[in-house]
Amino acid sequence: MQEALDIAVLGLSPIIPHVTHALWRALGHRRALIDEPWTPVDAAALQTSSIAMVVQVNGKLRGHITVAVGAGGDTVRAAALADPHVQKFIGAGPVRKVIIVPGKLVNIVV
C-alpha cells in the first residue's frame, strides 16, 4: 500500500506540486518530494512477443492479425491472406500486390 501511494504521489507531483508535497510529508518521508528520483523504467516489461496488425483490402479495413514481433514479410503475408475475414473480400480474383508496413498494417490489392 505504501509503495502504491508513493508512486501515485510522485506521478502527480508535476501537476499539483503543493498538494503532493504535503502528502509526501504525511506519508512519512523526510526528503523533499522535488529531490526524489523517478522510478527507473524496466525495459523487460516493455518487450512483447507479438504485435497486432491491421489488414486492408484495397485500402479498406477488413481484419486484424497477430504476428510475432520479428516476423518476416512472407510470414505476415501468409497470415494476412489466411485470415477468414480477409478471404471474404479477396474472393477468387488474383492478388496483384501486398504492401506491408512493418509493425502497422498489411494492404492487399486485388
PDB file of N, CA and C in Angstrom:
ATOM      1  N   MET A   1       0.830  -1.185   0.000  1.00  0.00           N
ATOM      2  CA  MET A   1       0.000   0.000   0.000  1.00  0.00           C
ATOM      3  C   MET A   1       0.882   1.258   0.000  1.00  0.00           C
ATOM      4  N   GLN A   2       1.916   1.234   0.826  1.00  0.00           N
ATOM      5  CA  GLN A   2       2.809   2.384   0.924  1.00  0.00           C
ATOM      6  C   GLN A   2       3.487   2.661  -0.412  1.00  0.00           C
ATOM      7  N   GLU A   3       3.952   1.605  -1.079  1.00  0.00           N
ATOM      8  CA  GLU A   3       4.635   1.774  -2.365  1.00  0.00           C
ATOM      9  C   GLU A   3       3.683   2.349  -3.419  1.00  0.00           C
ATOM     10  N   ALA A   4       2.449   1.875  -3.438  1.00  0.00           N
ATOM     11  CA  ALA A   4       1.469   2.380  -4.399  1.00  0.00           C
ATOM     12  C   ALA A   4       1.171   3.856  -4.156  1.00  0.00           C
ATOM     13  N   LEU A   5       1.036   4.253  -2.913  1.00  0.00           N
ATOM     14  CA  LEU A   5       0.791   5.663  -2.594  1.00  0.00           C
ATOM     15  C   LEU A   5       1.994   6.526  -2.962  1.00  0.00           C
ATOM     16  N   ASP A   6       3.198   6.026  -2.691  1.00  0.00           N
ATOM     17  CA  ASP A   6       4.409   6.773  -3.057  1.00  0.00           C
ATOM     18  C   ASP A   6       4.471   7.023  -4.560  1.00  0.00           C
ATOM     19  N   ILE A   7       4.180   6.003  -5.353  1.00  0.00           N
ATOM     20  CA  ILE A   7       4.224   6.134  -6.813  1.00  0.00           C
ATOM     21  C   ILE A   7       3.145   7.094  -7.300  1.00  0.00           C
ATOM     22  N   ALA A   8       1.946   7.017  -6.717  1.00  0.00           N
ATOM     23  CA  ALA A   8       0.851   7.904  -7.125  1.00  0.00           C
ATOM     24  C   ALA A   8       1.187   9.359  -6.813  1.00  0.00           C
ATOM     25  N   VAL A   9       1.702   9.613  -5.633  1.00  0.00           N
ATOM     26  CA  VAL A   9       2.052  10.987  -5.256  1.00  0.00           C
ATOM     27  C   VAL A   9       3.199  11.493  -6.121  1.00  0.00           C
ATOM     28  N   LEU A  10       4.171  10.668  -6.374  1.00  0.00           N
ATOM     29  CA  LEU A  10       5.304  11.066  -7.209  1.00  0.00           C
ATOM     30  C   LEU A  10       4.847  11.365  -8.640  1.00  0.00           C
ATOM     31  N   GLY A  11       3.925  10.571  -9.162  1.00  0.00           N
ATOM     32  CA  GLY A  11       3.419  10.795 -10.515  1.00  0.00           C
ATOM     33  C   GLY A  11       2.577  12.057 -10.631  1.00  0.00           C
ATOM     34  N   LEU A  12       1.881  12.422  -9.579  1.00  0.00           N
ATOM     35  CA  LEU A  12       1.045  13.627  -9.593  1.00  0.00           C
ATOM     36  C   LEU A  12       1.823  14.903  -9.276  1.00  0.00           C
ATOM     37  N   SER A  13       3.045  14.757  -8.824  1.00  0.00           N
ATOM     38  CA  SER A  13       3.806  15.930  -8.376  1.00  0.00           C
ATOM     39  C   SER A  13       4.012  17.011  -9.442  1.00  0.00           C
ATOM     40  N   PRO A  14       4.196  16.717 -10.732  1.00  0.00           N
ATOM     41  CA  PRO A  14       4.318  17.815 -11.688  1.00  0.00           C
ATOM     42  C   PRO A  14       3.009  18.580 -11.905  1.00  0.00           C
ATOM     43  N   ILE A  15       1.877  17.949 -11.626  1.00  0.00           N
ATOM     44  CA  ILE A  15       0.575  18.569 -11.879  1.00  0.00           C
ATOM     45  C   ILE A  15       0.113  19.415 -10.696  1.00  0.00           C
ATOM     46  N   ILE A  16       0.220  18.855  -9.508  1.00  0.00           N
ATOM     47  CA  ILE A  16      -0.200  19.570  -8.301  1.00  0.00           C
ATOM     48  C   ILE A  16       0.931  19.508  -7.262  1.00  0.00           C
ATOM     49  N   PRO A  17       1.970  20.311  -7.446  1.00  0.00           N
ATOM     50  CA  PRO A  17       3.156  20.186  -6.606  1.00  0.00           C
ATOM     51  C   PRO A  17       2.940  20.500  -5.127  1.00  0.00           C
ATOM     52  N   HIS A  18       2.130  21.483  -4.813  1.00  0.00           N
ATOM     53  CA  HIS A  18       1.966  21.860  -3.410  1.00  0.00           C
ATOM     54  C   HIS A  18       1.209  20.799  -2.625  1.00  0.00           C
ATOM     55  N   VAL A  19       0.174  20.252  -3.221  1.00  0.00           N
ATOM     56  CA  VAL A  19      -0.614  19.215  -2.547  1.00  0.00           C
ATOM     57  C   VAL A  19       0.213  17.950  -2.375  1.00  0.00           C
ATOM     58  N   THR A  20       0.917  17.554  -3.426  1.00  0.00           N
ATOM     59  CA  THR A  20       1.703  16.322  -3.336  1.00  0.00           C
ATOM     60  C   THR A  20       2.877  16.471  -2.373  1.00  0.00           C
ATOM     61  N   HIS A  21       3.411  17.680  -2.223  1.00  0.00           N
ATOM     62  CA  HIS A  21       4.480  17.895  -1.243  1.00  0.00           C
ATOM     63  C   HIS A  21       3.952  17.622   0.167  1.00  0.00           C
ATOM     64  N   ALA A  22       2.737  18.115   0.447  1.00  0.00           N
ATOM     65  CA  ALA A  22       2.133  17.876   1.756  1.00  0.00           C
ATOM     66  C   ALA A  22       1.819  16.397   1.950  1.00  0.00           C
ATOM     67  N   LEU A  23       1.308  15.745   0.909  1.00  0.00           N
ATOM     68  CA  LEU A  23       1.025  14.305   1.001  1.00  0.00           C
ATOM     69  C   LEU A  23       2.300  13.496   1.213  1.00  0.00           C
ATOM     70  N   TRP A  24       3.380  13.898   0.549  1.00  0.00           N
ATOM     71  CA  TRP A  24       4.663  13.204   0.671  1.00  0.00           C
ATOM     72  C   TRP A  24       5.146  13.238   2.117  1.00  0.00           C
ATOM     73  N   ARG A  25       5.014  14.399   2.745  1.00  0.00           N
ATOM     74  CA  ARG A  25       5.400  14.529   4.157  1.00  0.00           C
ATOM     75  C   ARG A  25       4.475  13.688   5.045  1.00  0.00           C
ATOM     76  N   ALA A  26       3.184  13.666   4.714  1.00  0.00           N
ATOM     77  CA  ALA A  26       2.232  12.883   5.505  1.00  0.00           C
ATOM     78  C   ALA A  26       2.489  11.384   5.390  1.00  0.00           C
ATOM     79  N   LEU A  27       3.085  10.967   4.281  1.00  0.00           N
ATOM     80  CA  LEU A  27       3.424   9.547   4.107  1.00  0.00           C
ATOM     81  C   LEU A  27       4.677   9.152   4.891  1.00  0.00           C
ATOM     82  N   GLY A  28       5.313  10.137   5.541  1.00  0.00           N
ATOM     83  CA  GLY A  28       6.440   9.834   6.418  1.00  0.00           C
ATOM     84  C   GLY A  28       7.813  10.021   5.813  1.00  0.00           C
ATOM     85  N   HIS A  29       7.924  10.661   4.671  1.00  0.00           N
ATOM     86  CA  HIS A  29       9.224  10.862   4.043  1.00  0.00           C
ATOM     87  C   HIS A  29       9.892  12.117   4.591  1.00  0.00           C
ATOM     88  N   ARG A  30      11.191  12.049   4.824  1.00  0.00           N
ATOM     89  CA  ARG A  30      11.950  13.184   5.345  1.00  0.00           C
ATOM     90  C   ARG A  30      12.467  14.070   4.209  1.00  0.00           C
ATOM     91  N   ARG A  31      12.886  13.439   3.122  1.00  0.00           N
ATOM     92  CA  ARG A  31      13.433  14.173   1.984  1.00  0.00           C
ATOM     93  C   ARG A  31      12.303  14.853   1.208  1.00  0.00           C
ATOM     94  N   ALA A  32      12.573  16.015   0.650  1.00  0.00           N
ATOM     95  CA  ALA A  32      11.558  16.739  -0.114  1.00  0.00           C
ATOM     96  C   ALA A  32      11.185  15.961  -1.367  1.00  0.00           C
ATOM     97  N   LEU A  33       9.948  16.075  -1.763  1.00  0.00           N
ATOM     98  CA  LEU A  33       9.449  15.355  -2.932  1.00  0.00           C
ATOM     99  C   LEU A  33      10.192  15.761  -4.199  1.00  0.00           C
ATOM    100  N   ILE A  34      10.540  17.023  -4.310  1.00  0.00           N
ATOM    101  CA  ILE A  34      11.216  17.509  -5.518  1.00  0.00           C
ATOM    102  C   ILE A  34      12.610  16.882  -5.689  1.00  0.00           C
ATOM    103  N   ASP A  35      13.183  16.390  -4.601  1.00  0.00           N
ATOM    104  CA  ASP A  35      14.510  15.766  -4.657  1.00  0.00           C
ATOM    105  C   ASP A  35      14.458  14.269  -4.922  1.00  0.00           C
ATOM    106  N   GLU A  36      13.267  13.705  -4.985  1.00  0.00           N
ATOM    107  CA  GLU A  36      13.120  12.266  -5.214  1.00  0.00           C
ATOM    108  C   GLU A  36      13.316  11.935  -6.692  1.00  0.00           C
ATOM    109  N   PRO A  37      14.066  10.875  -6.997  1.00  0.00           N
ATOM    110  CA  PRO A  37      14.219  10.465  -8.402  1.00  0.00           C
ATOM    111  C   PRO A  37      12.985   9.705  -8.880  1.00  0.00           C
ATOM    112  N   TRP A  38      12.751   9.719 -10.189  1.00  0.00           N
ATOM    113  CA  TRP A  38      11.667   8.950 -10.779  1.00  0.00           C
ATOM    114  C   TRP A  38      12.027   7.475 -10.733  1.00  0.00           C
ATOM    115  N   THR A  39      11.041   6.634 -10.689  1.00  0.00           N
ATOM    116  CA  THR A  39      11.255   5.194 -10.706  1.00  0.00           C
ATOM    117  C   THR A  39      11.857   4.809 -12.052  1.00  0.00           C
ATOM    118  N   PRO A  40      12.948   4.028 -12.055  1.00  0.00           N
ATOM    119  CA  PRO A  40      13.556   3.666 -13.349  1.00  0.00           C
ATOM    120  C   PRO A  40      12.635   2.769 -14.177  1.00  0.00           C
ATOM    121  N   VAL A  41      12.749   2.887 -15.478  1.00  0.00           N
ATOM    122  CA  VAL A  41      11.931   2.105 -16.395  1.00  0.00           C
ATOM    123  C   VAL A  41      12.490   0.691 -16.494  1.00  0.00           C
ATOM    124  N   ASP A  42      11.618  -0.288 -16.419  1.00  0.00           N
ATOM    125  CA  ASP A  42      12.004  -1.684 -16.579  1.00  0.00           C
ATOM    126  C   ASP A  42      11.852  -2.036 -18.059  1.00  0.00           C
ATOM    127  N   ALA A  43      12.954  -2.086 -18.781  1.00  0.00           N
ATOM    128  CA  ALA A  43      12.919  -2.337 -20.220  1.00  0.00           C
ATOM    129  C   ALA A  43      12.334  -3.709 -20.552  1.00  0.00           C
ATOM    130  N   ALA A  44      12.516  -4.673 -19.674  1.00  0.00           N
ATOM    131  CA  ALA A  44      11.988  -6.018 -19.927  1.00  0.00           C
ATOM    132  C   ALA A  44      10.460  -6.028 -19.906  1.00  0.00           C
ATOM    133  N   ALA A  45       9.852  -5.135 -19.136  1.00  0.00           N
ATOM    134  CA  ALA A  45       8.393  -5.082 -19.074  1.00  0.00           C
ATOM    135  C   ALA A  45       7.797  -4.480 -20.342  1.00  0.00           C
ATOM    136  N   LEU A  46       8.589  -3.752 -21.090  1.00  0.00           N
ATOM    137  CA  LEU A  46       8.100  -3.125 -22.314  1.00  0.00           C
ATOM    138  C   LEU A  46       8.182  -4.043 -23.529  1.00  0.00           C
ATOM    139  N   GLN A  47       8.869  -5.162 -23.420  1.00  0.00           N
ATOM    140  CA  GLN A  47       9.036  -6.087 -24.528  1.00  0.00           C
ATOM    141  C   GLN A  47       7.789  -6.948 -24.696  1.00  0.00           C
ATOM    142  N   THR A  48       7.368  -7.130 -25.937  1.00  0.00           N
ATOM    143  CA  THR A  48       6.254  -8.022 -26.232  1.00  0.00           C
ATOM    144  C   THR A  48       6.709  -9.059 -27.245  1.00  0.00           C
ATOM    145  N   SER A  49       6.025 -10.169 -27.256  1.00  0.00           N
ATOM    146  CA  SER A  49       6.407 -11.235 -28.183  1.00  0.00           C
ATOM    147  C   SER A  49       5.574 -11.217 -29.459  1.00  0.00           C
ATOM    148  N   SER A  50       4.435 -10.514 -29.420  1.00  0.00           N
ATOM    149  CA  SER A  50       3.595 -10.462 -30.621  1.00  0.00           C
ATOM    150  C   SER A  50       3.059  -9.043 -30.802  1.00  0.00           C
ATOM    151  N   ILE A  51       2.606  -8.775 -32.015  1.00  0.00           N
ATOM    152  CA  ILE A  51       2.097  -7.452 -32.348  1.00  0.00           C
ATOM    153  C   ILE A  51       0.838  -7.608 -33.195  1.00  0.00           C
ATOM    154  N   ALA A  52      -0.139  -6.733 -32.979  1.00  0.00           N
ATOM    155  CA  ALA A  52      -1.377  -6.756 -33.757  1.00  0.00           C
ATOM    156  C   ALA A  52      -1.214  -5.838 -34.959  1.00  0.00           C
ATOM    157  N   MET A  53      -1.626  -6.311 -36.115  1.00  0.00           N
ATOM    158  CA  MET A  53      -1.525  -5.523 -37.341  1.00  0.00           C
ATOM    159  C   MET A  53      -2.896  -5.445 -38.000  1.00  0.00           C
ATOM    160  N   VAL A  54      -3.127  -4.345 -38.686  1.00  0.00           N
ATOM    161  CA  VAL A  54      -4.364  -4.124 -39.421  1.00  0.00           C
ATOM    162  C   VAL A  54      -4.202  -4.703 -40.819  1.00  0.00           C
ATOM    163  N   VAL A  55      -5.257  -5.328 -41.336  1.00  0.00           N
ATOM    164  CA  VAL A  55      -5.236  -5.853 -42.703  1.00  0.00           C
ATOM    165  C   VAL A  55      -6.288  -5.097 -43.509  1.00  0.00           C
ATOM    166  N   GLN A  56      -5.850  -4.523 -44.615  1.00  0.00           N
ATOM    167  CA  GLN A  56      -6.743  -3.805 -45.510  1.00  0.00           C
ATOM    168  C   GLN A  56      -6.825  -4.545 -46.836  1.00  0.00           C
ATOM    169  N   VAL A  57      -7.982  -4.452 -47.471  1.00  0.00           N
ATOM    170  CA  VAL A  57      -8.141  -4.956 -48.836  1.00  0.00           C
ATOM    171  C   VAL A  57      -8.569  -3.759 -49.664  1.00  0.00           C
ATOM    172  N   ASN A  58      -7.746  -3.403 -50.636  1.00  0.00           N
ATOM    173  CA  ASN A  58      -7.954  -2.215 -51.471  1.00  0.00           C
ATOM    174  C   ASN A  58      -8.135  -0.952 -50.632  1.00  0.00           C
ATOM    175  N   GLY A  59      -7.369  -0.833 -49.557  1.00  0.00           N
ATOM    176  CA  GLY A  59      -7.381   0.364 -48.737  1.00  0.00           C
ATOM    177  C   GLY A  59      -8.464   0.438 -47.689  1.00  0.00           C
ATOM    178  N   LYS A  60      -9.301  -0.583 -47.568  1.00  0.00           N
ATOM    179  CA  LYS A  60     -10.370  -0.576 -46.579  1.00  0.00           C
ATOM    180  C   LYS A  60     -10.094  -1.626 -45.517  1.00  0.00           C
ATOM    181  N   LEU A  61     -10.310  -1.260 -44.269  1.00  0.00           N
ATOM    182  CA  LEU A  61     -10.069  -2.163 -43.147  1.00  0.00           C
ATOM    183  C   LEU A  61     -10.958  -3.396 -43.262  1.00  0.00           C
ATOM    184  N   ARG A  62     -10.307  -4.564 -43.244  1.00  0.00           N
ATOM    185  CA  ARG A  62     -11.047  -5.814 -43.365  1.00  0.00           C
ATOM    186  C   ARG A  62     -10.713  -6.832 -42.290  1.00  0.00           C
ATOM    187  N   GLY A  63      -9.682  -6.599 -41.498  1.00  0.00           N
ATOM    188  CA  GLY A  63      -9.348  -7.564 -40.461  1.00  0.00           C
ATOM    189  C   GLY A  63      -8.138  -7.165 -39.658  1.00  0.00           C
ATOM    190  N   HIS A  64      -7.846  -7.972 -38.650  1.00  0.00           N
ATOM    191  CA  HIS A  64      -6.679  -7.793 -37.795  1.00  0.00           C
ATOM    192  C   HIS A  64      -5.971  -9.138 -37.669  1.00  0.00           C
ATOM    193  N   ILE A  65      -4.649  -9.098 -37.614  1.00  0.00           N
ATOM    194  CA  ILE A  65      -3.870 -10.319 -37.396  1.00  0.00           C
ATOM    195  C   ILE A  65      -2.871 -10.056 -36.275  1.00  0.00           C
ATOM    196  N   THR A  66      -2.423 -11.118 -35.660  1.00  0.00           N
ATOM    197  CA  THR A  66      -1.393 -11.043 -34.631  1.00  0.00           C
ATOM    198  C   THR A  66      -0.228 -11.896 -35.088  1.00  0.00           C
ATOM    199  N   VAL A  67       0.952 -11.284 -35.169  1.00  0.00           N
ATOM    200  CA  VAL A  67       2.155 -11.991 -35.617  1.00  0.00           C
ATOM    201  C   VAL A  67       3.277 -11.735 -34.617  1.00  0.00           C
ATOM    202  N   ALA A  68       4.329 -12.533 -34.701  1.00  0.00           N
ATOM    203  CA  ALA A  68       5.497 -12.346 -33.850  1.00  0.00           C
ATOM    204  C   ALA A  68       6.175 -11.025 -34.198  1.00  0.00           C
ATOM    205  N   VAL A  69       6.831 -10.418 -33.228  1.00  0.00           N
ATOM    206  CA  VAL A  69       7.449  -9.106 -33.421  1.00  0.00           C
ATOM    207  C   VAL A  69       8.460  -9.120 -34.558  1.00  0.00           C
ATOM    208  N   GLY A  70       9.287 -10.111 -34.650  1.00  0.00           N
ATOM    209  CA  GLY A  70      10.314 -10.152 -35.683  1.00  0.00           C
ATOM    210  C   GLY A  70       9.920 -10.929 -36.921  1.00  0.00           C
ATOM    211  N   ALA A  71       8.631 -11.096 -37.152  1.00  0.00           N
ATOM    212  CA  ALA A  71       8.166 -11.907 -38.282  1.00  0.00           C
ATOM    213  C   ALA A  71       8.549 -11.253 -39.605  1.00  0.00           C
ATOM    214  N   GLY A  72       8.956 -12.074 -40.552  1.00  0.00           N
ATOM    215  CA  GLY A  72       9.342 -11.590 -41.872  1.00  0.00           C
ATOM    216  C   GLY A  72       8.129 -11.295 -42.738  1.00  0.00           C
ATOM    217  N   GLY A  73       8.390 -10.713 -43.881  1.00  0.00           N
ATOM    218  CA  GLY A  73       7.328 -10.337 -44.795  1.00  0.00           C
ATOM    219  C   GLY A  73       6.500 -11.507 -45.278  1.00  0.00           C
ATOM    220  N   ASP A  74       7.153 -12.652 -45.524  1.00  0.00           N
ATOM    221  CA  ASP A  74       6.420 -13.831 -46.004  1.00  0.00           C
ATOM    222  C   ASP A  74       5.454 -14.356 -44.948  1.00  0.00           C
ATOM    223  N   THR A  75       5.874 -14.341 -43.689  1.00  0.00           N
ATOM    224  CA  THR A  75       5.025 -14.809 -42.601  1.00  0.00           C
ATOM    225  C   THR A  75       3.821 -13.886 -42.421  1.00  0.00           C
ATOM    226  N   VAL A  76       4.071 -12.582 -42.481  1.00  0.00           N
ATOM    227  CA  VAL A  76       2.988 -11.609 -42.329  1.00  0.00           C
ATOM    228  C   VAL A  76       2.001 -11.725 -43.484  1.00  0.00           C
ATOM    229  N   ARG A  77       2.546 -11.881 -44.688  1.00  0.00           N
ATOM    230  CA  ARG A  77       1.694 -12.014 -45.876  1.00  0.00           C
ATOM    231  C   ARG A  77       0.811 -13.257 -45.772  1.00  0.00           C
ATOM    232  N   ALA A  78       1.405 -14.386 -45.368  1.00  0.00           N
ATOM    233  CA  ALA A  78       0.654 -15.634 -45.245  1.00  0.00           C
ATOM    234  C   ALA A  78      -0.437 -15.516 -44.185  1.00  0.00           C
ATOM    235  N   ALA A  79      -0.134 -14.875 -43.071  1.00  0.00           N
ATOM    236  CA  ALA A  79      -1.129 -14.710 -42.010  1.00  0.00           C
ATOM    237  C   ALA A  79      -2.274 -13.810 -42.467  1.00  0.00           C
ATOM    238  N   ALA A  80      -1.950 -12.759 -43.218  1.00  0.00           N
ATOM    239  CA  ALA A  80      -2.985 -11.835 -43.703  1.00  0.00           C
ATOM    240  C   ALA A  80      -3.889 -12.522 -44.724  1.00  0.00           C
ATOM    241  N   LEU A  81      -3.298 -13.280 -45.625  1.00  0.00           N
ATOM    242  CA  LEU A  81      -4.094 -13.959 -46.648  1.00  0.00           C
ATOM    243  C   LEU A  81      -4.907 -15.118 -46.079  1.00  0.00           C
ATOM    244  N   ALA A  82      -4.474 -15.671 -44.942  1.00  0.00           N
ATOM    245  CA  ALA A  82      -5.172 -16.798 -44.333  1.00  0.00           C
ATOM    246  C   ALA A  82      -6.324 -16.363 -43.432  1.00  0.00           C
ATOM    247  N   ASP A  83      -6.400 -15.090 -43.098  1.00  0.00           N
ATOM    248  CA  ASP A  83      -7.459 -14.613 -42.216  1.00  0.00           C
ATOM    249  C   ASP A  83      -8.825 -14.793 -42.890  1.00  0.00           C
ATOM    250  N   PRO A  84      -9.790 -15.434 -42.213  1.00  0.00           N
ATOM    251  CA  PRO A  84     -11.088 -15.693 -42.855  1.00  0.00           C
ATOM    252  C   PRO A  84     -11.868 -14.429 -43.203  1.00  0.00           C
ATOM    253  N   HIS A  85     -11.739 -13.376 -42.412  1.00  0.00           N
ATOM    254  CA  HIS A  85     -12.442 -12.131 -42.721  1.00  0.00           C
ATOM    255  C   HIS A  85     -11.885 -11.501 -43.993  1.00  0.00           C
ATOM    256  N   VAL A  86     -10.599 -11.615 -44.187  1.00  0.00           N
ATOM    257  CA  VAL A  86      -9.950 -11.040 -45.363  1.00  0.00           C
ATOM    258  C   VAL A  86     -10.282 -11.855 -46.604  1.00  0.00           C
ATOM    259  N   GLN A  87     -10.340 -13.168 -46.472  1.00  0.00           N
ATOM    260  CA  GLN A  87     -10.613 -14.038 -47.617  1.00  0.00           C
ATOM    261  C   GLN A  87     -11.975 -13.759 -48.240  1.00  0.00           C
ATOM    262  N   LYS A  88     -12.933 -13.317 -47.431  1.00  0.00           N
ATOM    263  CA  LYS A  88     -14.250 -12.978 -47.981  1.00  0.00           C
ATOM    264  C   LYS A  88     -14.161 -11.831 -48.980  1.00  0.00           C
ATOM    265  N   PHE A  89     -13.250 -10.890 -48.732  1.00  0.00           N
ATOM    266  CA  PHE A  89     -13.149  -9.715 -49.589  1.00  0.00           C
ATOM    267  C   PHE A  89     -12.165  -9.886 -50.738  1.00  0.00           C
ATOM    268  N   ILE A  90     -11.282 -10.868 -50.613  1.00  0.00           N
ATOM    269  CA  ILE A  90     -10.348 -11.133 -51.708  1.00  0.00           C
ATOM    270  C   ILE A  90     -11.074 -11.850 -52.843  1.00  0.00           C
ATOM    271  N   GLY A  91     -11.906 -12.796 -52.486  1.00  0.00           N
ATOM    272  CA  GLY A  91     -12.658 -13.551 -53.489  1.00  0.00           C
ATOM    273  C   GLY A  91     -11.754 -14.478 -54.280  1.00  0.00           C
ATOM    274  N   ALA A  92     -12.187 -14.829 -55.481  1.00  0.00           N
ATOM    275  CA  ALA A  92     -11.441 -15.765 -56.316  1.00  0.00           C
ATOM    276  C   ALA A  92     -10.432 -15.052 -57.205  1.00  0.00           C
ATOM    277  N   GLY A  93     -10.463 -13.728 -57.236  1.00  0.00           N
ATOM    278  CA  GLY A  93      -9.557 -12.968 -58.097  1.00  0.00           C
ATOM    279  C   GLY A  93      -8.117 -13.052 -57.627  1.00  0.00           C
ATOM    280  N   PRO A  94      -7.197 -12.788 -58.533  1.00  0.00           N
ATOM    281  CA  PRO A  94      -5.786 -12.846 -58.153  1.00  0.00           C
ATOM    282  C   PRO A  94      -5.387 -11.636 -57.312  1.00  0.00           C
ATOM    283  N   VAL A  95      -4.437 -11.858 -56.422  1.00  0.00           N
ATOM    284  CA  VAL A  95      -3.889 -10.782 -55.607  1.00  0.00           C
ATOM    285  C   VAL A  95      -2.783 -10.115 -56.411  1.00  0.00           C
ATOM    286  N   ARG A  96      -2.965  -8.839 -56.718  1.00  0.00           N
ATOM    287  CA  ARG A  96      -1.967  -8.127 -57.519  1.00  0.00           C
ATOM    288  C   ARG A  96      -0.739  -7.735 -56.719  1.00  0.00           C
ATOM    289  N   LYS A  97      -0.988  -7.242 -55.516  1.00  0.00           N
ATOM    290  CA  LYS A  97       0.122  -6.711 -54.737  1.00  0.00           C
ATOM    291  C   LYS A  97      -0.208  -6.794 -53.252  1.00  0.00           C
ATOM    292  N   VAL A  98       0.817  -7.023 -52.435  1.00  0.00           N
ATOM    293  CA  VAL A  98       0.672  -6.997 -50.988  1.00  0.00           C
ATOM    294  C   VAL A  98       1.688  -5.992 -50.459  1.00  0.00           C
ATOM    295  N   ILE A  99       1.185  -4.926 -49.837  1.00  0.00           N
ATOM    296  CA  ILE A  99       2.045  -3.879 -49.290  1.00  0.00           C
ATOM    297  C   ILE A  99       2.067  -4.061 -47.775  1.00  0.00           C
ATOM    298  N   ILE A 100       3.279  -4.184 -47.222  1.00  0.00           N
ATOM    299  CA  ILE A 100       3.435  -4.404 -45.785  1.00  0.00           C
ATOM    300  C   ILE A 100       4.181  -3.220 -45.188  1.00  0.00           C
ATOM    301  N   VAL A 101       3.560  -2.578 -44.213  1.00  0.00           N
ATOM    302  CA  VAL A 101       4.229  -1.555 -43.410  1.00  0.00           C
ATOM    303  C   VAL A 101       4.576  -2.253 -42.094  1.00  0.00           C
ATOM    304  N   PRO A 102       5.859  -2.536 -41.868  1.00  0.00           N
ATOM    305  CA  PRO A 102       6.251  -3.355 -40.714  1.00  0.00           C
ATOM    306  C   PRO A 102       5.703  -2.812 -39.395  1.00  0.00           C
ATOM    307  N   GLY A 103       5.072  -3.716 -38.647  1.00  0.00           N
ATOM    308  CA  GLY A 103       4.554  -3.372 -37.340  1.00  0.00           C
ATOM    309  C   GLY A 103       3.250  -2.614 -37.336  1.00  0.00           C
ATOM    310  N   LYS A 104       2.691  -2.296 -38.524  1.00  0.00           N
ATOM    311  CA  LYS A 104       1.486  -1.485 -38.569  1.00  0.00           C
ATOM    312  C   LYS A 104       0.358  -2.113 -39.359  1.00  0.00           C
ATOM    313  N   LEU A 105       0.579  -2.304 -40.661  1.00  0.00           N
ATOM    314  CA  LEU A 105      -0.534  -2.767 -41.477  1.00  0.00           C
ATOM    315  C   LEU A 105      -0.078  -3.568 -42.671  1.00  0.00           C
ATOM    316  N   VAL A 106      -1.063  -4.265 -43.262  1.00  0.00           N
ATOM    317  CA  VAL A 106      -0.888  -5.014 -44.492  1.00  0.00           C
ATOM    318  C   VAL A 106      -2.010  -4.579 -45.408  1.00  0.00           C
ATOM    319  N   ASN A 107      -1.682  -4.144 -46.624  1.00  0.00           N
ATOM    320  CA  ASN A 107      -2.691  -3.752 -47.594  1.00  0.00           C
ATOM    321  C   ASN A 107      -2.618  -4.711 -48.772  1.00  0.00           C
ATOM    322  N   ILE A 108      -3.719  -5.359 -49.046  1.00  0.00           N
ATOM    323  CA  ILE A 108      -3.799  -6.325 -50.153  1.00  0.00           C
ATOM    324  C   ILE A 108      -4.562  -5.666 -51.286  1.00  0.00           C
ATOM    325  N   VAL A 109      -3.939  -5.629 -52.466  1.00  0.00           N
ATOM    326  CA  VAL A 109      -4.565  -5.039 -53.631  1.00  0.00           C
ATOM    327  C   VAL A 109      -5.011  -6.170 -54.549  1.00  0.00           C
ATOM    328  N   VAL A 110      -6.327  -6.194 -54.847  1.00  0.00           N
ATOM    329  CA  VAL A 110      -6.861  -7.237 -55.739  1.00  0.00           C
ATOM    330  C   VAL A 110      -7.334  -6.616 -57.033  1.00  0.00           C
TER     331      VAL A 110
END
